[in-house]
Amino acid sequence: MTLDIFRGRMGRILNPLAWTLYRHGVSANQLSLLSLISAIVAGAAFCVNVLPVAIVTIAFNALFDALDGCLARNSKSESKQGDLIDHVCDRYSDIFIFGGITIGGYVAWQIGLLAIVGVLMTSYLGTQAQALGVGRDYRGLLGRADRLVLVFFVTLLSLGVPETIIWFPLLGWMMVFVAIVSNITALQRFYLAYHEI
């Protein structure tokens, strides 16, 4: 079970904020781009081991990513172009965040690469299911919302536990977890979509 099942409840919380932003001339595409910029800054912060900046920008990435869809739905401005922009920004965000953690030396590059592959394949299979007529697939052990919450809290904990635990610091062990579980999630989505086509 993933945090994506709470999208409806989160929408009720975020909708008023999204509506306020819309009334002030902010578009869903602008929020998508802000989420990407936040992820770029977060990735850079991980690269140079400035964790407080990474924590703040991860939070902004998650907030803007949640708000762009709410704003598009509330303003009835949903479009295929906007959906494409959102997905491209999300994938680049994933690469910058997990790439930054890897480049920052928190984990071996091989594990970081495996984590990035799992993250991208999980998202790809979710949207590929939609392209094949099954519907967008948010199922599996570790969705995007789960990953962002995980990165946020593990980074926060890392401020108080900076030492290496056996081979890696906390962020490194998080990457090991993401490398394993995201690839399992991708295979779950493949299996479920395959049997529904």
N, C-alpha and C. Protein backbone atom coordinates (compact mmCIF):
# COMPACT_ATOMS: atom_id res chain seq x y z
N MET A 1 0.85 -1.20 0.00
CA MET A 1 0.00 0.00 0.00
C MET A 1 0.88 1.24 0.00
N THR A 2 0.54 2.21 -0.82
CA THR A 2 1.35 3.42 -0.93
C THR A 2 0.54 4.65 -0.54
N LEU A 3 1.25 5.77 -0.37
CA LEU A 3 0.59 7.02 0.00
C LEU A 3 -0.29 7.57 -1.11
N ASP A 4 -0.14 7.04 -2.33
CA ASP A 4 -0.96 7.51 -3.44
C ASP A 4 -2.45 7.27 -3.21
N ILE A 5 -2.79 6.32 -2.33
CA ILE A 5 -4.21 6.06 -2.06
C ILE A 5 -4.85 7.22 -1.30
N PHE A 6 -4.04 8.11 -0.75
CA PHE A 6 -4.57 9.25 -0.01
C PHE A 6 -4.67 10.51 -0.86
N ARG A 7 -4.54 10.36 -2.19
CA ARG A 7 -4.61 11.52 -3.07
C ARG A 7 -5.90 12.31 -2.88
N GLY A 8 -7.02 11.60 -2.70
CA GLY A 8 -8.30 12.28 -2.52
C GLY A 8 -8.33 13.15 -1.28
N ARG A 9 -7.84 12.61 -0.17
CA ARG A 9 -7.82 13.36 1.07
C ARG A 9 -6.87 14.55 0.99
N MET A 10 -5.71 14.34 0.38
CA MET A 10 -4.77 15.43 0.24
C MET A 10 -5.34 16.53 -0.64
N GLY A 11 -6.14 16.13 -1.63
CA GLY A 11 -6.76 17.11 -2.51
C GLY A 11 -7.67 18.06 -1.75
N ARG A 12 -8.39 17.53 -0.78
CA ARG A 12 -9.29 18.38 0.01
C ARG A 12 -8.51 19.41 0.82
N ILE A 13 -7.28 19.06 1.20
CA ILE A 13 -6.43 19.99 1.95
C ILE A 13 -5.79 21.01 1.01
N LEU A 14 -5.34 20.54 -0.15
CA LEU A 14 -4.57 21.39 -1.06
C LEU A 14 -5.42 22.22 -2.00
N ASN A 15 -6.66 21.80 -2.23
CA ASN A 15 -7.52 22.50 -3.20
C ASN A 15 -7.68 23.99 -2.90
N PRO A 16 -7.93 24.39 -1.64
CA PRO A 16 -8.06 25.84 -1.37
C PRO A 16 -6.79 26.62 -1.71
N LEU A 17 -5.62 26.05 -1.41
CA LEU A 17 -4.36 26.71 -1.74
C LEU A 17 -4.18 26.80 -3.25
N ALA A 18 -4.52 25.71 -3.95
CA ALA A 18 -4.40 25.70 -5.41
C ALA A 18 -5.32 26.75 -6.03
N TRP A 19 -6.53 26.87 -5.49
CA TRP A 19 -7.49 27.85 -6.02
C TRP A 19 -6.98 29.28 -5.79
N THR A 20 -6.39 29.51 -4.62
CA THR A 20 -5.83 30.83 -4.32
C THR A 20 -4.71 31.18 -5.29
N LEU A 21 -3.83 30.22 -5.56
CA LEU A 21 -2.74 30.44 -6.50
C LEU A 21 -3.28 30.74 -7.90
N TYR A 22 -4.32 30.01 -8.30
CA TYR A 22 -4.92 30.22 -9.62
C TYR A 22 -5.49 31.64 -9.73
N ARG A 23 -6.14 32.09 -8.68
CA ARG A 23 -6.72 33.45 -8.68
C ARG A 23 -5.63 34.52 -8.78
N HIS A 24 -4.42 34.19 -8.37
CA HIS A 24 -3.30 35.13 -8.45
C HIS A 24 -2.47 34.93 -9.72
N GLY A 25 -3.01 34.18 -10.68
CA GLY A 25 -2.37 34.07 -11.98
C GLY A 25 -1.33 32.98 -12.13
N VAL A 26 -1.25 32.08 -11.16
CA VAL A 26 -0.27 30.98 -11.24
C VAL A 26 -0.89 29.83 -12.03
N SER A 27 -0.14 29.24 -12.94
CA SER A 27 -0.64 28.12 -13.75
C SER A 27 -0.08 26.80 -13.23
N ALA A 28 -0.74 25.71 -13.62
CA ALA A 28 -0.28 24.37 -13.24
C ALA A 28 1.11 24.10 -13.81
N ASN A 29 1.35 24.53 -15.04
CA ASN A 29 2.67 24.32 -15.66
C ASN A 29 3.77 25.06 -14.91
N GLN A 30 3.45 26.23 -14.41
CA GLN A 30 4.44 26.97 -13.62
C GLN A 30 4.78 26.22 -12.34
N LEU A 31 3.78 25.61 -11.72
CA LEU A 31 4.03 24.82 -10.51
C LEU A 31 4.87 23.59 -10.82
N SER A 32 4.61 22.97 -11.97
CA SER A 32 5.42 21.81 -12.38
C SER A 32 6.89 22.22 -12.53
N LEU A 33 7.12 23.37 -13.15
CA LEU A 33 8.49 23.85 -13.33
C LEU A 33 9.13 24.22 -11.99
N LEU A 34 8.34 24.79 -11.08
CA LEU A 34 8.87 25.09 -9.74
C LEU A 34 9.25 23.82 -8.99
N SER A 35 8.47 22.76 -9.19
CA SER A 35 8.81 21.49 -8.55
C SER A 35 10.14 20.96 -9.10
N LEU A 36 10.35 21.12 -10.40
CA LEU A 36 11.62 20.69 -11.01
C LEU A 36 12.79 21.52 -10.49
N ILE A 37 12.61 22.84 -10.42
CA ILE A 37 13.67 23.71 -9.91
C ILE A 37 14.03 23.33 -8.47
N SER A 38 13.00 23.03 -7.66
CA SER A 38 13.24 22.61 -6.28
C SER A 38 14.06 21.33 -6.24
N ALA A 39 13.76 20.39 -7.14
CA ALA A 39 14.50 19.12 -7.18
C ALA A 39 15.94 19.33 -7.62
N ILE A 40 16.16 20.24 -8.56
CA ILE A 40 17.52 20.54 -9.01
C ILE A 40 18.35 21.09 -7.85
N VAL A 41 17.74 22.01 -7.09
CA VAL A 41 18.45 22.58 -5.94
C VAL A 41 18.70 21.50 -4.88
N ALA A 42 17.71 20.63 -4.67
CA ALA A 42 17.87 19.54 -3.70
C ALA A 42 19.01 18.61 -4.13
N GLY A 43 19.03 18.25 -5.42
CA GLY A 43 20.10 17.39 -5.90
C GLY A 43 21.47 18.02 -5.72
N ALA A 44 21.57 19.32 -6.02
CA ALA A 44 22.84 20.03 -5.84
C ALA A 44 23.23 20.06 -4.36
N ALA A 45 22.23 20.24 -3.49
CA ALA A 45 22.51 20.28 -2.04
C ALA A 45 23.02 18.92 -1.55
N PHE A 46 22.45 17.83 -2.08
CA PHE A 46 22.97 16.51 -1.72
C PHE A 46 24.39 16.32 -2.22
N CYS A 47 24.68 16.82 -3.42
CA CYS A 47 26.02 16.69 -3.99
C CYS A 47 27.08 17.32 -3.10
N VAL A 48 26.75 18.46 -2.48
CA VAL A 48 27.73 19.16 -1.65
C VAL A 48 27.45 18.98 -0.16
N ASN A 49 26.57 18.02 0.16
CA ASN A 49 26.29 17.63 1.55
C ASN A 49 25.75 18.76 2.42
N VAL A 50 24.87 19.58 1.85
CA VAL A 50 24.20 20.63 2.61
C VAL A 50 22.76 20.16 2.86
N LEU A 51 22.59 19.32 3.88
CA LEU A 51 21.32 18.64 4.09
C LEU A 51 20.15 19.56 4.46
N PRO A 52 20.36 20.63 5.24
CA PRO A 52 19.21 21.51 5.53
C PRO A 52 18.56 22.08 4.27
N VAL A 53 19.37 22.46 3.30
CA VAL A 53 18.82 22.97 2.03
C VAL A 53 18.09 21.86 1.29
N ALA A 54 18.64 20.66 1.31
CA ALA A 54 18.00 19.52 0.66
C ALA A 54 16.63 19.24 1.28
N ILE A 55 16.54 19.31 2.59
CA ILE A 55 15.27 19.05 3.28
C ILE A 55 14.20 20.05 2.84
N VAL A 56 14.54 21.32 2.85
CA VAL A 56 13.58 22.36 2.49
C VAL A 56 13.14 22.22 1.03
N THR A 57 14.08 21.98 0.15
CA THR A 57 13.74 21.92 -1.27
C THR A 57 13.01 20.62 -1.64
N ILE A 58 13.28 19.54 -0.93
CA ILE A 58 12.49 18.31 -1.13
C ILE A 58 11.04 18.58 -0.75
N ALA A 59 10.83 19.30 0.35
CA ALA A 59 9.47 19.63 0.79
C ALA A 59 8.77 20.49 -0.27
N PHE A 60 9.48 21.47 -0.83
CA PHE A 60 8.88 22.31 -1.88
C PHE A 60 8.59 21.50 -3.14
N ASN A 61 9.49 20.58 -3.48
CA ASN A 61 9.25 19.73 -4.65
C ASN A 61 7.96 18.94 -4.48
N ALA A 62 7.78 18.35 -3.31
CA ALA A 62 6.57 17.56 -3.04
C ALA A 62 5.33 18.44 -3.06
N LEU A 63 5.43 19.63 -2.47
CA LEU A 63 4.28 20.53 -2.41
C LEU A 63 3.86 21.00 -3.81
N PHE A 64 4.82 21.48 -4.59
CA PHE A 64 4.50 21.96 -5.94
C PHE A 64 3.99 20.83 -6.82
N ASP A 65 4.57 19.63 -6.64
CA ASP A 65 4.14 18.49 -7.44
C ASP A 65 2.69 18.10 -7.11
N ALA A 66 2.31 18.24 -5.86
CA ALA A 66 0.92 17.94 -5.48
C ALA A 66 -0.03 19.03 -5.94
N LEU A 67 0.44 20.28 -5.89
CA LEU A 67 -0.43 21.41 -6.22
C LEU A 67 -0.72 21.55 -7.71
N ASP A 68 0.23 21.14 -8.56
CA ASP A 68 0.00 21.38 -10.00
C ASP A 68 -1.23 20.64 -10.51
N GLY A 69 -1.40 19.40 -10.07
CA GLY A 69 -2.58 18.64 -10.48
C GLY A 69 -3.86 19.21 -9.90
N CYS A 70 -3.80 19.61 -8.63
CA CYS A 70 -4.99 20.21 -7.98
C CYS A 70 -5.42 21.47 -8.72
N LEU A 71 -4.44 22.30 -9.06
CA LEU A 71 -4.76 23.56 -9.73
C LEU A 71 -5.35 23.30 -11.12
N ALA A 72 -4.76 22.35 -11.85
CA ALA A 72 -5.27 22.04 -13.19
C ALA A 72 -6.71 21.54 -13.13
N ARG A 73 -7.00 20.68 -12.15
CA ARG A 73 -8.37 20.15 -12.03
C ARG A 73 -9.34 21.24 -11.59
N ASN A 74 -8.96 22.03 -10.62
CA ASN A 74 -9.85 23.07 -10.10
C ASN A 74 -10.15 24.15 -11.14
N SER A 75 -9.15 24.46 -11.96
CA SER A 75 -9.32 25.52 -12.95
C SER A 75 -9.82 24.97 -14.29
N LYS A 76 -10.04 23.63 -14.31
CA LYS A 76 -10.48 22.97 -15.55
C LYS A 76 -9.52 23.27 -16.71
N SER A 77 -8.23 23.31 -16.39
CA SER A 77 -7.21 23.59 -17.41
C SER A 77 -6.36 22.36 -17.70
N GLU A 78 -6.86 21.18 -17.35
CA GLU A 78 -6.12 19.95 -17.62
C GLU A 78 -5.95 19.77 -19.13
N SER A 79 -4.77 19.34 -19.53
CA SER A 79 -4.50 19.13 -20.95
C SER A 79 -3.44 18.06 -21.10
N LYS A 80 -3.37 17.49 -22.31
CA LYS A 80 -2.33 16.50 -22.58
C LYS A 80 -0.95 17.12 -22.50
N GLN A 81 -0.85 18.38 -22.95
CA GLN A 81 0.45 19.06 -22.88
C GLN A 81 0.87 19.25 -21.42
N GLY A 82 -0.09 19.66 -20.57
CA GLY A 82 0.22 19.84 -19.15
C GLY A 82 0.61 18.53 -18.49
N ASP A 83 -0.08 17.44 -18.86
CA ASP A 83 0.24 16.12 -18.31
C ASP A 83 1.65 15.71 -18.71
N LEU A 84 2.00 15.98 -19.96
CA LEU A 84 3.35 15.66 -20.44
C LEU A 84 4.40 16.46 -19.68
N ILE A 85 4.17 17.77 -19.51
CA ILE A 85 5.11 18.62 -18.77
C ILE A 85 5.27 18.11 -17.34
N ASP A 86 4.17 17.74 -16.72
CA ASP A 86 4.20 17.24 -15.34
C ASP A 86 5.04 15.98 -15.24
N HIS A 87 4.83 15.04 -16.16
CA HIS A 87 5.57 13.78 -16.10
C HIS A 87 7.05 13.97 -16.40
N VAL A 88 7.37 14.81 -17.35
CA VAL A 88 8.78 15.06 -17.66
C VAL A 88 9.47 15.72 -16.47
N CYS A 89 8.81 16.71 -15.86
CA CYS A 89 9.38 17.37 -14.67
C CYS A 89 9.57 16.38 -13.52
N ASP A 90 8.60 15.49 -13.34
CA ASP A 90 8.70 14.49 -12.26
C ASP A 90 9.87 13.55 -12.48
N ARG A 91 10.06 13.09 -13.73
CA ARG A 91 11.15 12.15 -13.99
C ARG A 91 12.51 12.83 -13.82
N TYR A 92 12.64 14.05 -14.34
CA TYR A 92 13.90 14.76 -14.13
C TYR A 92 14.12 15.04 -12.64
N SER A 93 13.05 15.34 -11.93
CA SER A 93 13.17 15.56 -10.48
C SER A 93 13.71 14.33 -9.78
N ASP A 94 13.16 13.16 -10.13
CA ASP A 94 13.65 11.91 -9.55
C ASP A 94 15.13 11.71 -9.83
N ILE A 95 15.55 11.98 -11.06
CA ILE A 95 16.95 11.80 -11.43
C ILE A 95 17.85 12.75 -10.65
N PHE A 96 17.45 14.01 -10.55
CA PHE A 96 18.27 14.98 -9.82
C PHE A 96 18.37 14.63 -8.34
N ILE A 97 17.26 14.25 -7.73
CA ILE A 97 17.28 13.95 -6.29
C ILE A 97 18.13 12.72 -5.99
N PHE A 98 17.83 11.59 -6.66
CA PHE A 98 18.56 10.36 -6.36
C PHE A 98 19.96 10.38 -6.95
N GLY A 99 20.14 11.09 -8.06
CA GLY A 99 21.48 11.28 -8.60
C GLY A 99 22.33 12.11 -7.66
N GLY A 100 21.74 13.15 -7.07
CA GLY A 100 22.47 13.99 -6.13
C GLY A 100 22.93 13.23 -4.90
N ILE A 101 22.05 12.36 -4.40
CA ILE A 101 22.42 11.54 -3.23
C ILE A 101 23.58 10.61 -3.59
N THR A 102 23.54 10.05 -4.79
CA THR A 102 24.61 9.14 -5.24
C THR A 102 25.92 9.90 -5.42
N ILE A 103 25.87 11.02 -6.13
CA ILE A 103 27.08 11.82 -6.37
C ILE A 103 27.64 12.35 -5.06
N GLY A 104 26.76 12.63 -4.09
CA GLY A 104 27.20 13.13 -2.80
C GLY A 104 28.00 12.11 -1.99
N GLY A 105 28.08 10.87 -2.48
CA GLY A 105 28.91 9.86 -1.83
C GLY A 105 28.23 9.12 -0.70
N TYR A 106 26.92 9.18 -0.63
CA TYR A 106 26.21 8.50 0.45
C TYR A 106 26.09 7.00 0.23
N VAL A 107 26.31 6.57 -1.03
CA VAL A 107 26.18 5.16 -1.37
C VAL A 107 27.04 4.87 -2.58
N ALA A 108 27.37 3.60 -2.80
CA ALA A 108 28.13 3.22 -3.98
C ALA A 108 27.34 3.55 -5.24
N TRP A 109 28.04 3.98 -6.29
CA TRP A 109 27.35 4.42 -7.50
C TRP A 109 26.52 3.31 -8.14
N GLN A 110 26.96 2.05 -7.98
CA GLN A 110 26.21 0.94 -8.56
C GLN A 110 24.82 0.84 -7.93
N ILE A 111 24.75 1.05 -6.61
CA ILE A 111 23.47 0.99 -5.92
C ILE A 111 22.62 2.20 -6.31
N GLY A 112 23.27 3.37 -6.41
CA GLY A 112 22.55 4.56 -6.83
C GLY A 112 21.95 4.40 -8.21
N LEU A 113 22.71 3.81 -9.13
CA LEU A 113 22.21 3.57 -10.48
C LEU A 113 21.03 2.62 -10.46
N LEU A 114 21.12 1.57 -9.67
CA LEU A 114 20.02 0.60 -9.57
C LEU A 114 18.76 1.27 -8.99
N ALA A 115 18.96 2.16 -8.03
CA ALA A 115 17.82 2.89 -7.45
C ALA A 115 17.16 3.78 -8.50
N ILE A 116 17.96 4.50 -9.28
CA ILE A 116 17.41 5.39 -10.31
C ILE A 116 16.66 4.58 -11.36
N VAL A 117 17.22 3.44 -11.76
CA VAL A 117 16.54 2.58 -12.73
C VAL A 117 15.19 2.12 -12.18
N GLY A 118 15.17 1.69 -10.93
CA GLY A 118 13.91 1.23 -10.32
C GLY A 118 12.87 2.33 -10.23
N VAL A 119 13.31 3.53 -9.86
CA VAL A 119 12.41 4.68 -9.75
C VAL A 119 11.81 5.01 -11.12
N LEU A 120 12.66 5.06 -12.15
CA LEU A 120 12.17 5.40 -13.48
C LEU A 120 11.27 4.31 -14.05
N MET A 121 11.61 3.05 -13.82
CA MET A 121 10.78 1.96 -14.34
C MET A 121 9.43 1.89 -13.62
N THR A 122 9.42 2.19 -12.34
CA THR A 122 8.15 2.21 -11.61
C THR A 122 7.21 3.24 -12.22
N SER A 123 7.72 4.43 -12.46
CA SER A 123 6.89 5.49 -13.04
C SER A 123 6.52 5.17 -14.48
N TYR A 124 7.47 4.64 -15.25
CA TYR A 124 7.19 4.29 -16.64
C TYR A 124 6.06 3.27 -16.73
N LEU A 125 6.10 2.24 -15.91
CA LEU A 125 5.08 1.20 -15.99
C LEU A 125 3.73 1.71 -15.52
N GLY A 126 3.74 2.68 -14.61
CA GLY A 126 2.47 3.28 -14.19
C GLY A 126 1.78 4.00 -15.32
N THR A 127 2.54 4.74 -16.13
CA THR A 127 1.95 5.47 -17.25
C THR A 127 1.78 4.59 -18.48
N GLN A 128 2.64 3.58 -18.64
CA GLN A 128 2.48 2.67 -19.77
C GLN A 128 1.18 1.87 -19.65
N ALA A 129 0.80 1.54 -18.42
CA ALA A 129 -0.48 0.86 -18.21
C ALA A 129 -1.62 1.73 -18.71
N GLN A 130 -1.52 3.03 -18.46
CA GLN A 130 -2.54 3.96 -18.94
C GLN A 130 -2.55 4.00 -20.47
N ALA A 131 -1.38 4.02 -21.08
CA ALA A 131 -1.29 4.06 -22.54
C ALA A 131 -1.90 2.82 -23.18
N LEU A 132 -1.87 1.70 -22.46
CA LEU A 132 -2.42 0.45 -22.97
C LEU A 132 -3.90 0.27 -22.62
N GLY A 133 -4.49 1.29 -22.00
CA GLY A 133 -5.91 1.26 -21.72
C GLY A 133 -6.32 0.67 -20.39
N VAL A 134 -5.34 0.35 -19.55
CA VAL A 134 -5.64 -0.23 -18.23
C VAL A 134 -5.97 0.85 -17.21
N GLY A 135 -5.45 2.06 -17.44
CA GLY A 135 -5.61 3.15 -16.48
C GLY A 135 -4.29 3.39 -15.77
N ARG A 136 -4.06 4.62 -15.34
CA ARG A 136 -2.81 4.95 -14.67
C ARG A 136 -2.68 4.12 -13.40
N ASP A 137 -1.53 3.52 -13.22
CA ASP A 137 -1.33 2.54 -12.16
C ASP A 137 -0.48 3.13 -11.04
N TYR A 138 -1.09 3.29 -9.87
CA TYR A 138 -0.35 3.78 -8.70
C TYR A 138 -0.08 2.66 -7.70
N ARG A 139 -0.35 1.42 -8.09
CA ARG A 139 -0.22 0.31 -7.16
C ARG A 139 1.25 -0.07 -6.93
N GLY A 140 1.47 -0.90 -5.93
CA GLY A 140 2.81 -1.37 -5.63
C GLY A 140 3.31 -0.87 -4.29
N LEU A 141 4.49 -1.31 -3.94
CA LEU A 141 5.04 -1.04 -2.61
C LEU A 141 5.54 0.38 -2.43
N LEU A 142 6.08 0.99 -3.49
CA LEU A 142 6.77 2.27 -3.32
C LEU A 142 6.47 3.20 -4.49
N GLY A 143 5.48 4.07 -4.31
CA GLY A 143 5.14 5.06 -5.33
C GLY A 143 5.93 6.34 -5.13
N ARG A 144 5.67 7.33 -5.98
CA ARG A 144 6.45 8.58 -5.93
C ARG A 144 6.22 9.33 -4.61
N ALA A 145 4.98 9.36 -4.16
CA ALA A 145 4.70 10.05 -2.89
C ALA A 145 5.47 9.41 -1.75
N ASP A 146 5.52 8.07 -1.74
CA ASP A 146 6.27 7.36 -0.70
C ASP A 146 7.75 7.72 -0.75
N ARG A 147 8.29 7.79 -1.97
CA ARG A 147 9.72 8.09 -2.11
C ARG A 147 10.05 9.48 -1.57
N LEU A 148 9.21 10.45 -1.89
CA LEU A 148 9.49 11.81 -1.43
C LEU A 148 9.40 11.92 0.09
N VAL A 149 8.40 11.27 0.67
CA VAL A 149 8.27 11.28 2.14
C VAL A 149 9.47 10.57 2.77
N LEU A 150 9.87 9.46 2.17
CA LEU A 150 11.02 8.71 2.68
C LEU A 150 12.30 9.55 2.62
N VAL A 151 12.56 10.17 1.48
CA VAL A 151 13.76 11.01 1.34
C VAL A 151 13.73 12.15 2.35
N PHE A 152 12.58 12.79 2.49
CA PHE A 152 12.46 13.93 3.41
C PHE A 152 12.82 13.51 4.84
N PHE A 153 12.19 12.44 5.34
CA PHE A 153 12.38 12.07 6.74
C PHE A 153 13.75 11.44 7.00
N VAL A 154 14.28 10.68 6.05
CA VAL A 154 15.62 10.11 6.25
C VAL A 154 16.67 11.21 6.22
N THR A 155 16.49 12.20 5.34
CA THR A 155 17.42 13.34 5.32
C THR A 155 17.35 14.11 6.63
N LEU A 156 16.13 14.29 7.13
CA LEU A 156 15.94 14.98 8.41
C LEU A 156 16.64 14.21 9.54
N LEU A 157 16.47 12.89 9.56
CA LEU A 157 17.12 12.07 10.59
C LEU A 157 18.64 12.11 10.45
N SER A 158 19.11 12.26 9.22
CA SER A 158 20.56 12.26 8.98
C SER A 158 21.26 13.45 9.62
N LEU A 159 20.50 14.52 9.90
CA LEU A 159 21.10 15.66 10.59
C LEU A 159 21.57 15.28 11.99
N GLY A 160 20.84 14.33 12.61
CA GLY A 160 21.20 13.91 13.96
C GLY A 160 22.02 12.64 14.00
N VAL A 161 22.06 11.91 12.88
CA VAL A 161 22.83 10.66 12.83
C VAL A 161 23.75 10.71 11.60
N PRO A 162 24.80 11.51 11.65
CA PRO A 162 25.64 11.69 10.46
C PRO A 162 26.63 10.56 10.22
N GLU A 163 26.85 9.70 11.23
CA GLU A 163 27.89 8.69 11.10
C GLU A 163 27.47 7.55 10.18
N THR A 164 28.49 6.85 9.68
CA THR A 164 28.26 5.66 8.88
C THR A 164 27.80 4.52 9.77
N ILE A 165 26.79 3.80 9.31
CA ILE A 165 26.28 2.62 10.02
C ILE A 165 26.69 1.41 9.19
N ILE A 166 27.67 0.69 9.67
CA ILE A 166 28.31 -0.41 8.94
C ILE A 166 28.96 0.15 7.67
N TRP A 167 28.29 0.09 6.50
CA TRP A 167 28.92 0.55 5.26
C TRP A 167 28.50 1.95 4.83
N PHE A 168 27.26 2.32 5.13
CA PHE A 168 26.70 3.56 4.60
C PHE A 168 26.07 4.40 5.71
N PRO A 169 25.93 5.71 5.47
CA PRO A 169 25.10 6.53 6.37
C PRO A 169 23.63 6.23 6.09
N LEU A 170 22.75 6.88 6.84
CA LEU A 170 21.31 6.61 6.69
C LEU A 170 20.82 6.80 5.26
N LEU A 171 21.26 7.87 4.61
CA LEU A 171 20.83 8.10 3.23
C LEU A 171 21.30 7.00 2.30
N GLY A 172 22.45 6.44 2.58
CA GLY A 172 22.94 5.32 1.77
C GLY A 172 22.06 4.09 1.93
N TRP A 173 21.68 3.80 3.17
CA TRP A 173 20.80 2.65 3.40
C TRP A 173 19.41 2.89 2.82
N MET A 174 18.99 4.14 2.82
CA MET A 174 17.72 4.46 2.15
C MET A 174 17.81 4.14 0.67
N MET A 175 18.95 4.45 0.05
CA MET A 175 19.14 4.17 -1.37
C MET A 175 19.15 2.67 -1.64
N VAL A 176 19.72 1.90 -0.73
CA VAL A 176 19.68 0.44 -0.86
C VAL A 176 18.22 -0.03 -0.85
N PHE A 177 17.45 0.51 0.08
CA PHE A 177 16.03 0.16 0.19
C PHE A 177 15.29 0.54 -1.10
N VAL A 178 15.52 1.76 -1.58
CA VAL A 178 14.85 2.22 -2.80
C VAL A 178 15.26 1.35 -3.99
N ALA A 179 16.54 0.99 -4.08
CA ALA A 179 17.02 0.16 -5.18
C ALA A 179 16.29 -1.17 -5.22
N ILE A 180 16.07 -1.76 -4.07
CA ILE A 180 15.39 -3.06 -4.01
C ILE A 180 13.89 -2.91 -4.22
N VAL A 181 13.27 -2.05 -3.42
CA VAL A 181 11.82 -2.00 -3.39
C VAL A 181 11.22 -1.33 -4.63
N SER A 182 11.91 -0.35 -5.20
CA SER A 182 11.37 0.29 -6.40
C SER A 182 11.37 -0.68 -7.57
N ASN A 183 12.40 -1.53 -7.66
CA ASN A 183 12.42 -2.52 -8.74
C ASN A 183 11.37 -3.60 -8.51
N ILE A 184 11.11 -3.96 -7.27
CA ILE A 184 10.02 -4.89 -6.97
C ILE A 184 8.69 -4.26 -7.37
N THR A 185 8.53 -2.96 -7.06
CA THR A 185 7.30 -2.24 -7.41
C THR A 185 7.11 -2.22 -8.93
N ALA A 186 8.19 -1.98 -9.66
CA ALA A 186 8.10 -1.98 -11.13
C ALA A 186 7.63 -3.33 -11.64
N LEU A 187 8.18 -4.40 -11.07
CA LEU A 187 7.77 -5.74 -11.49
C LEU A 187 6.32 -6.02 -11.10
N GLN A 188 5.91 -5.52 -9.93
CA GLN A 188 4.51 -5.66 -9.52
C GLN A 188 3.59 -5.01 -10.55
N ARG A 189 3.92 -3.79 -10.94
CA ARG A 189 3.07 -3.06 -11.89
C ARG A 189 3.05 -3.75 -13.25
N PHE A 190 4.21 -4.29 -13.65
CA PHE A 190 4.26 -5.04 -14.91
C PHE A 190 3.33 -6.25 -14.84
N TYR A 191 3.43 -6.99 -13.77
CA TYR A 191 2.62 -8.22 -13.60
C TYR A 191 1.13 -7.88 -13.60
N LEU A 192 0.75 -6.87 -12.82
CA LEU A 192 -0.67 -6.51 -12.71
C LEU A 192 -1.21 -6.00 -14.04
N ALA A 193 -0.44 -5.14 -14.71
CA ALA A 193 -0.89 -4.58 -15.99
C ALA A 193 -0.97 -5.68 -17.05
N TYR A 194 0.00 -6.57 -17.07
CA TYR A 194 0.03 -7.64 -18.06
C TYR A 194 -1.23 -8.50 -17.97
N HIS A 195 -1.66 -8.78 -16.77
CA HIS A 195 -2.83 -9.65 -16.59
C HIS A 195 -4.16 -8.89 -16.71
N GLU A 196 -4.09 -7.57 -16.90
CA GLU A 196 -5.32 -6.81 -17.10
C GLU A 196 -5.50 -6.36 -18.55
N ILE A 197 -4.48 -6.55 -19.36
CA ILE A 197 -4.59 -6.13 -20.78
C ILE A 197 -5.49 -7.11 -21.53
